[in-house]
N, C-alpha and C. Protein backbone atom coordinates (compact mmCIF):
# COMPACT_ATOMS: atom_id res chain seq x y z
N UNK A 1 -44.30 -47.37 53.21
CA UNK A 1 -43.96 -46.09 52.63
C UNK A 1 -45.23 -45.37 52.16
N UNK A 2 -46.10 -46.11 51.46
CA UNK A 2 -47.34 -45.50 50.98
C UNK A 2 -48.23 -45.07 52.14
N UNK A 3 -48.20 -45.85 53.20
CA UNK A 3 -49.02 -45.54 54.35
C UNK A 3 -48.60 -44.19 54.96
N UNK A 4 -47.30 -43.91 55.05
CA UNK A 4 -46.79 -42.65 55.57
C UNK A 4 -47.20 -41.51 54.65
N UNK A 5 -47.05 -41.72 53.34
CA UNK A 5 -47.41 -40.68 52.38
C UNK A 5 -48.90 -40.36 52.44
N UNK A 6 -49.75 -41.40 52.54
CA UNK A 6 -51.19 -41.17 52.62
C UNK A 6 -51.56 -40.47 53.93
N UNK A 7 -50.90 -40.81 55.03
CA UNK A 7 -51.18 -40.17 56.31
C UNK A 7 -50.81 -38.69 56.25
N UNK A 8 -49.68 -38.37 55.65
CA UNK A 8 -49.25 -36.98 55.52
C UNK A 8 -50.22 -36.20 54.64
N UNK A 9 -50.68 -36.83 53.55
CA UNK A 9 -51.62 -36.19 52.65
C UNK A 9 -52.95 -35.93 53.36
N UNK A 10 -53.40 -36.86 54.18
CA UNK A 10 -54.65 -36.69 54.93
C UNK A 10 -54.54 -35.54 55.92
N UNK A 11 -53.38 -35.39 56.56
CA UNK A 11 -53.19 -34.29 57.50
C UNK A 11 -53.21 -32.95 56.78
N UNK A 12 -52.61 -32.88 55.61
CA UNK A 12 -52.59 -31.64 54.84
C UNK A 12 -53.99 -31.28 54.34
N UNK A 13 -54.76 -32.25 53.97
CA UNK A 13 -56.09 -32.00 53.41
C UNK A 13 -57.14 -31.73 54.47
N UNK A 14 -56.94 -32.18 55.69
CA UNK A 14 -57.96 -32.07 56.74
C UNK A 14 -58.48 -30.65 56.96
N UNK A 15 -57.63 -29.61 57.08
CA UNK A 15 -58.18 -28.28 57.32
C UNK A 15 -59.04 -27.78 56.16
N UNK A 16 -58.78 -28.24 54.95
CA UNK A 16 -59.55 -27.77 53.80
C UNK A 16 -60.90 -28.47 53.70
N UNK A 17 -61.13 -29.47 54.50
CA UNK A 17 -62.36 -30.24 54.40
C UNK A 17 -63.32 -29.94 55.55
N UNK A 18 -63.59 -28.70 55.79
CA UNK A 18 -64.59 -28.36 56.79
C UNK A 18 -64.06 -28.18 58.19
N UNK A 19 -62.74 -28.22 58.38
CA UNK A 19 -62.18 -27.96 59.70
C UNK A 19 -62.29 -26.48 60.01
N UNK A 20 -61.73 -26.07 61.15
CA UNK A 20 -61.78 -24.66 61.51
C UNK A 20 -61.01 -23.84 60.50
N UNK A 21 -61.56 -22.69 60.17
CA UNK A 21 -60.87 -21.80 59.25
C UNK A 21 -59.76 -21.07 60.00
N UNK A 22 -58.67 -20.79 59.28
CA UNK A 22 -57.62 -20.02 59.91
C UNK A 22 -58.05 -18.57 59.95
N UNK A 23 -57.60 -17.82 60.95
CA UNK A 23 -58.02 -16.43 61.06
C UNK A 23 -57.48 -15.59 59.92
N UNK A 24 -58.21 -14.53 59.59
CA UNK A 24 -57.75 -13.62 58.53
C UNK A 24 -56.59 -12.79 59.05
N UNK A 25 -55.93 -12.09 58.15
CA UNK A 25 -54.79 -11.27 58.53
C UNK A 25 -55.18 -10.22 59.57
N UNK A 26 -56.40 -9.66 59.47
CA UNK A 26 -56.81 -8.65 60.43
C UNK A 26 -57.03 -9.22 61.82
N UNK A 27 -57.38 -10.51 61.90
CA UNK A 27 -57.67 -11.14 63.18
C UNK A 27 -56.43 -11.73 63.84
N UNK A 28 -55.36 -11.91 63.08
CA UNK A 28 -54.17 -12.55 63.60
C UNK A 28 -53.27 -11.52 64.25
N UNK A 29 -52.98 -11.66 65.54
CA UNK A 29 -52.06 -10.71 66.16
C UNK A 29 -50.65 -10.95 65.63
N UNK A 30 -49.87 -9.89 65.53
CA UNK A 30 -48.51 -10.05 65.04
C UNK A 30 -47.66 -10.71 66.10
N UNK A 31 -46.52 -11.22 65.68
CA UNK A 31 -45.63 -11.89 66.60
C UNK A 31 -45.11 -10.94 67.67
N UNK A 32 -44.99 -9.66 67.33
CA UNK A 32 -44.47 -8.69 68.28
C UNK A 32 -45.54 -8.24 69.27
N UNK A 33 -46.81 -8.57 69.03
CA UNK A 33 -47.88 -8.19 69.94
C UNK A 33 -48.13 -6.69 69.96
N UNK A 34 -48.09 -6.05 68.80
CA UNK A 34 -48.23 -4.60 68.75
C UNK A 34 -49.66 -4.14 68.89
N UNK A 35 -50.63 -5.02 68.85
CA UNK A 35 -52.02 -4.62 68.93
C UNK A 35 -52.42 -3.89 67.67
N UNK A 36 -53.21 -2.85 67.80
CA UNK A 36 -53.65 -2.04 66.67
C UNK A 36 -52.55 -1.05 66.34
N UNK A 37 -52.33 -0.79 65.06
CA UNK A 37 -51.34 0.20 64.63
C UNK A 37 -52.05 1.38 63.97
N UNK A 38 -51.69 2.59 64.37
CA UNK A 38 -52.24 3.80 63.77
C UNK A 38 -51.11 4.76 63.42
N UNK A 39 -51.33 5.55 62.39
CA UNK A 39 -50.32 6.50 61.94
C UNK A 39 -50.47 7.84 62.64
N UNK A 40 -49.33 8.46 62.93
CA UNK A 40 -49.28 9.83 63.44
C UNK A 40 -48.23 10.55 62.61
N UNK A 41 -48.64 11.61 61.91
CA UNK A 41 -47.73 12.35 61.05
C UNK A 41 -47.36 13.67 61.72
N UNK A 42 -46.04 13.93 61.78
CA UNK A 42 -45.53 15.18 62.32
C UNK A 42 -45.06 16.04 61.15
N UNK A 43 -45.51 17.30 61.12
CA UNK A 43 -45.06 18.23 60.08
C UNK A 43 -44.65 19.53 60.77
N UNK A 44 -44.24 20.52 59.99
CA UNK A 44 -43.88 21.82 60.53
C UNK A 44 -45.10 22.73 60.44
N UNK A 45 -45.90 22.93 61.38
CA UNK A 45 -45.88 22.54 62.77
C UNK A 45 -47.26 22.03 63.13
N UNK A 46 -47.47 20.74 62.95
CA UNK A 46 -48.74 20.12 63.26
C UNK A 46 -48.53 18.64 63.61
N UNK A 47 -49.48 18.10 64.37
CA UNK A 47 -49.52 16.68 64.71
C UNK A 47 -50.84 16.16 64.16
N UNK A 48 -50.78 15.14 63.31
CA UNK A 48 -52.00 14.61 62.68
C UNK A 48 -52.13 13.12 62.99
N UNK A 49 -52.84 12.80 64.10
CA UNK A 49 -53.07 11.38 64.41
C UNK A 49 -54.21 10.82 63.56
N UNK A 50 -54.14 9.54 63.28
CA UNK A 50 -55.25 8.87 62.59
C UNK A 50 -56.46 8.88 63.51
N UNK A 51 -57.66 9.07 62.97
CA UNK A 51 -58.85 9.07 63.82
C UNK A 51 -59.22 7.65 64.26
N UNK A 52 -60.09 7.56 65.25
CA UNK A 52 -60.64 6.27 65.64
C UNK A 52 -59.86 5.52 66.68
N UNK A 53 -59.22 6.21 67.63
CA UNK A 53 -58.47 5.51 68.67
C UNK A 53 -59.43 4.83 69.64
N UNK A 54 -59.12 3.60 69.97
CA UNK A 54 -59.92 2.82 70.90
C UNK A 54 -59.02 2.33 72.04
N UNK A 55 -59.61 2.03 73.20
CA UNK A 55 -58.81 1.51 74.31
C UNK A 55 -58.11 0.21 73.93
N UNK A 56 -56.92 0.03 74.48
CA UNK A 56 -56.16 -1.19 74.25
C UNK A 56 -54.74 -0.88 73.83
N UNK A 57 -53.98 -1.93 73.60
CA UNK A 57 -52.60 -1.77 73.16
C UNK A 57 -52.58 -1.25 71.74
N UNK A 58 -51.86 -0.16 71.54
CA UNK A 58 -51.80 0.49 70.24
C UNK A 58 -50.35 0.84 69.93
N UNK A 59 -49.95 0.63 68.70
CA UNK A 59 -48.64 1.07 68.25
C UNK A 59 -48.84 2.30 67.38
N UNK A 60 -48.28 3.42 67.83
CA UNK A 60 -48.34 4.65 67.05
C UNK A 60 -47.15 4.64 66.10
N UNK A 61 -47.43 4.67 64.81
CA UNK A 61 -46.38 4.72 63.78
C UNK A 61 -46.14 6.19 63.47
N UNK A 62 -45.12 6.75 64.10
CA UNK A 62 -44.84 8.18 64.03
C UNK A 62 -43.86 8.46 62.89
N UNK A 63 -44.24 9.38 62.00
CA UNK A 63 -43.39 9.74 60.86
C UNK A 63 -43.18 11.24 60.87
N UNK A 64 -41.93 11.68 60.77
CA UNK A 64 -41.61 13.10 60.68
C UNK A 64 -41.55 13.49 59.21
N UNK A 65 -42.61 14.15 58.73
CA UNK A 65 -42.65 14.62 57.35
C UNK A 65 -42.30 16.10 57.27
N UNK A 66 -41.77 16.65 58.36
CA UNK A 66 -41.37 18.06 58.39
C UNK A 66 -39.95 18.25 57.90
N UNK A 67 -39.49 19.50 57.98
CA UNK A 67 -38.14 19.85 57.54
C UNK A 67 -37.17 20.03 58.70
N UNK A 68 -37.66 19.90 59.94
CA UNK A 68 -36.81 20.02 61.12
C UNK A 68 -37.04 18.81 62.03
N UNK A 69 -36.19 18.66 63.03
CA UNK A 69 -36.30 17.55 63.98
C UNK A 69 -37.55 17.72 64.84
N UNK A 70 -38.29 16.62 65.03
CA UNK A 70 -39.47 16.59 65.88
C UNK A 70 -39.42 15.32 66.74
N UNK A 71 -40.30 15.25 67.71
CA UNK A 71 -40.51 14.05 68.54
C UNK A 71 -41.99 14.03 68.87
N UNK A 72 -42.46 12.94 69.47
CA UNK A 72 -43.86 12.86 69.87
C UNK A 72 -43.93 12.46 71.32
N UNK A 73 -44.69 13.23 72.10
CA UNK A 73 -44.99 12.89 73.49
C UNK A 73 -46.48 12.62 73.56
N UNK A 74 -46.86 11.58 74.31
CA UNK A 74 -48.25 11.18 74.45
C UNK A 74 -48.58 11.15 75.93
N UNK A 75 -49.66 11.86 76.31
CA UNK A 75 -50.09 11.87 77.70
C UNK A 75 -51.59 11.67 77.76
N UNK A 76 -52.01 10.85 78.72
CA UNK A 76 -53.43 10.59 78.91
C UNK A 76 -53.62 9.90 80.24
N UNK A 77 -54.82 9.37 80.50
CA UNK A 77 -55.07 8.68 81.77
C UNK A 77 -54.08 7.54 82.00
N UNK A 78 -53.19 7.71 82.97
CA UNK A 78 -52.20 6.69 83.30
C UNK A 78 -51.15 6.47 82.22
N UNK A 79 -50.94 7.45 81.37
CA UNK A 79 -50.05 7.26 80.21
C UNK A 79 -49.12 8.45 80.03
N UNK A 80 -47.83 8.17 79.93
CA UNK A 80 -46.82 9.13 79.52
C UNK A 80 -45.80 8.35 78.71
N UNK A 81 -45.62 8.72 77.44
CA UNK A 81 -44.66 8.03 76.58
C UNK A 81 -44.10 9.04 75.58
N UNK A 82 -42.92 8.75 75.06
CA UNK A 82 -42.28 9.69 74.14
C UNK A 82 -41.32 8.96 73.21
N UNK A 83 -41.26 9.44 71.98
CA UNK A 83 -40.28 8.91 71.02
C UNK A 83 -38.95 9.62 71.23
N UNK A 84 -37.91 9.07 70.63
CA UNK A 84 -36.65 9.78 70.52
C UNK A 84 -36.85 10.90 69.50
N UNK A 85 -35.88 11.78 69.39
CA UNK A 85 -35.93 12.82 68.37
C UNK A 85 -35.89 12.16 67.00
N UNK A 86 -36.70 12.68 66.07
CA UNK A 86 -36.78 12.14 64.72
C UNK A 86 -36.34 13.20 63.72
N UNK A 87 -35.30 12.91 62.97
CA UNK A 87 -34.85 13.81 61.91
C UNK A 87 -35.88 13.78 60.78
N UNK A 88 -35.87 14.79 59.91
CA UNK A 88 -36.81 14.77 58.78
C UNK A 88 -36.73 13.45 58.01
N UNK A 89 -37.90 12.85 57.75
CA UNK A 89 -37.97 11.59 57.03
C UNK A 89 -37.87 10.36 57.91
N UNK A 90 -37.47 10.50 59.16
CA UNK A 90 -37.36 9.35 60.06
C UNK A 90 -38.72 8.97 60.63
N UNK A 91 -38.81 7.71 61.10
CA UNK A 91 -40.04 7.19 61.68
C UNK A 91 -39.69 6.37 62.92
N UNK A 92 -40.68 6.21 63.79
CA UNK A 92 -40.52 5.39 64.99
C UNK A 92 -41.87 4.80 65.36
N UNK A 93 -41.84 3.63 66.00
CA UNK A 93 -43.04 3.02 66.54
C UNK A 93 -43.04 3.24 68.04
N UNK A 94 -44.18 3.70 68.56
CA UNK A 94 -44.33 3.94 69.99
C UNK A 94 -45.52 3.13 70.47
N UNK A 95 -45.25 2.13 71.31
CA UNK A 95 -46.32 1.25 71.82
C UNK A 95 -46.90 1.84 73.09
N UNK A 96 -48.22 2.00 73.11
CA UNK A 96 -48.90 2.58 74.27
C UNK A 96 -50.13 1.75 74.60
N UNK A 97 -50.53 1.79 75.87
CA UNK A 97 -51.76 1.14 76.31
C UNK A 97 -52.77 2.25 76.59
N UNK A 98 -53.73 2.40 75.69
CA UNK A 98 -54.71 3.47 75.78
C UNK A 98 -55.90 3.05 76.63
N UNK A 99 -56.37 3.97 77.47
CA UNK A 99 -57.59 3.77 78.23
C UNK A 99 -58.56 4.88 77.81
N UNK A 100 -59.82 4.68 78.11
CA UNK A 100 -60.84 5.64 77.71
C UNK A 100 -60.57 7.01 78.33
N UNK A 101 -60.70 8.05 77.53
CA UNK A 101 -60.46 9.42 77.98
C UNK A 101 -59.70 10.19 76.91
N UNK A 102 -59.32 11.41 77.23
CA UNK A 102 -58.59 12.24 76.28
C UNK A 102 -57.10 11.94 76.34
N UNK A 103 -56.48 11.89 75.16
CA UNK A 103 -55.04 11.69 75.03
C UNK A 103 -54.50 12.89 74.26
N UNK A 104 -53.42 13.47 74.77
CA UNK A 104 -52.80 14.61 74.12
C UNK A 104 -51.50 14.14 73.48
N UNK A 105 -51.34 14.45 72.19
CA UNK A 105 -50.12 14.13 71.44
C UNK A 105 -49.48 15.46 71.07
N UNK A 106 -48.18 15.62 71.38
CA UNK A 106 -47.52 16.89 71.09
C UNK A 106 -46.03 16.73 70.93
N UNK A 107 -45.40 17.73 70.33
CA UNK A 107 -43.94 17.73 70.15
C UNK A 107 -43.31 18.47 71.32
N UNK A 108 -42.41 17.79 72.06
CA UNK A 108 -41.80 18.40 73.24
C UNK A 108 -40.54 19.22 72.94
N UNK A 109 -40.21 19.43 71.68
CA UNK A 109 -38.99 20.16 71.34
C UNK A 109 -39.25 21.66 71.25
N UNK A 110 -38.38 22.44 71.88
CA UNK A 110 -38.46 23.90 71.81
C UNK A 110 -39.86 24.42 72.02
N UNK A 111 -40.27 25.31 71.13
CA UNK A 111 -41.61 25.91 71.21
C UNK A 111 -42.58 25.27 70.23
N UNK A 112 -42.27 24.06 69.75
CA UNK A 112 -43.10 23.42 68.73
C UNK A 112 -44.56 23.27 69.17
N UNK A 113 -44.78 22.96 70.45
CA UNK A 113 -46.16 22.78 70.92
C UNK A 113 -46.95 24.08 70.77
N UNK A 114 -46.35 25.19 71.16
CA UNK A 114 -47.06 26.47 71.07
C UNK A 114 -47.21 26.93 69.62
N UNK A 115 -46.45 26.35 68.70
CA UNK A 115 -46.56 26.67 67.28
C UNK A 115 -47.64 25.82 66.60
N UNK A 116 -48.30 24.94 67.35
CA UNK A 116 -49.41 24.16 66.79
C UNK A 116 -49.20 22.67 66.75
N UNK A 117 -48.07 22.20 67.25
CA UNK A 117 -47.81 20.75 67.21
C UNK A 117 -48.44 20.07 68.41
N UNK A 118 -49.76 20.02 68.42
CA UNK A 118 -50.52 19.39 69.49
C UNK A 118 -51.86 18.92 68.95
N UNK A 119 -52.28 17.75 69.39
CA UNK A 119 -53.60 17.24 69.03
C UNK A 119 -54.16 16.52 70.25
N UNK A 120 -55.43 16.74 70.53
CA UNK A 120 -56.13 16.05 71.61
C UNK A 120 -57.15 15.13 70.98
N UNK A 121 -57.11 13.86 71.37
CA UNK A 121 -58.00 12.86 70.78
C UNK A 121 -58.74 12.13 71.89
N UNK A 122 -60.03 11.90 71.68
CA UNK A 122 -60.83 11.13 72.63
C UNK A 122 -60.67 9.64 72.30
N UNK A 123 -60.32 8.85 73.31
CA UNK A 123 -60.16 7.41 73.14
C UNK A 123 -61.42 6.73 73.64
N UNK A 124 -62.01 5.86 72.81
CA UNK A 124 -63.23 5.15 73.20
C UNK A 124 -64.42 6.07 73.20
N UNK A 125 -65.59 5.57 73.58
CA UNK A 125 -66.84 6.34 73.70
C UNK A 125 -66.86 7.59 72.83
N UNK A 126 -66.74 7.44 71.57
CA UNK A 126 -66.69 8.55 70.65
C UNK A 126 -65.61 8.28 69.62
N UNK A 127 -64.76 7.32 69.93
CA UNK A 127 -63.80 6.76 69.01
C UNK A 127 -62.97 7.70 68.19
N UNK A 128 -62.22 8.57 68.83
CA UNK A 128 -61.24 9.33 68.11
C UNK A 128 -61.70 10.68 67.64
N UNK A 129 -62.91 11.10 67.97
CA UNK A 129 -63.31 12.45 67.60
C UNK A 129 -62.46 13.42 68.38
N UNK A 130 -61.94 14.47 67.74
CA UNK A 130 -61.10 15.41 68.47
C UNK A 130 -61.84 16.00 69.66
N UNK A 131 -61.17 16.04 70.77
CA UNK A 131 -61.76 16.62 71.98
C UNK A 131 -61.50 18.11 72.00
N UNK A 132 -62.21 18.82 72.85
CA UNK A 132 -62.02 20.26 72.97
C UNK A 132 -60.63 20.56 73.49
N UNK A 133 -59.95 21.56 72.89
CA UNK A 133 -58.61 21.96 73.30
C UNK A 133 -58.73 22.81 74.55
N UNK A 134 -58.15 22.34 75.67
CA UNK A 134 -58.24 23.07 76.92
C UNK A 134 -56.90 23.58 77.37
N UNK A 135 -55.87 23.53 76.52
CA UNK A 135 -54.54 23.99 76.91
C UNK A 135 -54.50 25.51 76.92
N UNK A 136 -53.62 26.04 77.76
CA UNK A 136 -53.49 27.49 77.86
C UNK A 136 -52.32 28.02 77.06
N UNK A 137 -51.44 27.12 76.60
CA UNK A 137 -50.31 27.55 75.80
C UNK A 137 -49.12 28.00 76.62
N UNK A 138 -49.25 28.07 77.96
CA UNK A 138 -48.13 28.53 78.77
C UNK A 138 -47.53 27.41 79.63
N UNK A 139 -47.82 26.16 79.26
CA UNK A 139 -47.29 25.03 80.02
C UNK A 139 -45.84 24.81 79.64
N UNK A 140 -44.95 24.69 80.61
CA UNK A 140 -43.52 24.53 80.36
C UNK A 140 -43.04 23.11 80.61
N UNK A 141 -43.67 22.38 81.55
CA UNK A 141 -43.15 21.07 81.92
C UNK A 141 -43.27 20.10 80.75
N UNK A 142 -42.25 19.28 80.58
CA UNK A 142 -42.25 18.30 79.51
C UNK A 142 -41.53 18.77 78.26
N UNK A 143 -41.22 20.05 78.16
CA UNK A 143 -40.50 20.56 76.98
C UNK A 143 -39.02 20.24 77.09
N UNK A 144 -38.40 20.01 75.95
CA UNK A 144 -36.94 19.83 75.90
C UNK A 144 -36.39 20.98 75.06
N UNK A 145 -35.30 21.59 75.54
CA UNK A 145 -34.70 22.71 74.80
C UNK A 145 -33.32 22.36 74.32
């Protein structure tokens, strides 16, 4: 009996005695495999992504802090993704695989994009600095009415 208890105690103590350290919370991937998580806030009428986007799997934590229904559409190199409609106060997670280049985030509802609900972000090589806005404002495809 003592032998079993001492063996169990030795196993519990072993990592604390110079064994490999366990990874910190920042280094440990979550069970869901969400990669990096960044916030994107939707308001009436703006899209505010967190700066510093890098290539790789990213979960966009989208929150509608506006007074009307919004959604988020994301387009970039090899990427098209969209949340469901979000009522005021609602949130959604949108998992995307980002590659280097410009990514456009915008609200596809009604005329929200033309009212200012659009942000262009550079991914990688510059790490999230806003890119130059090259939209003309007359694009119709992708809108939901």
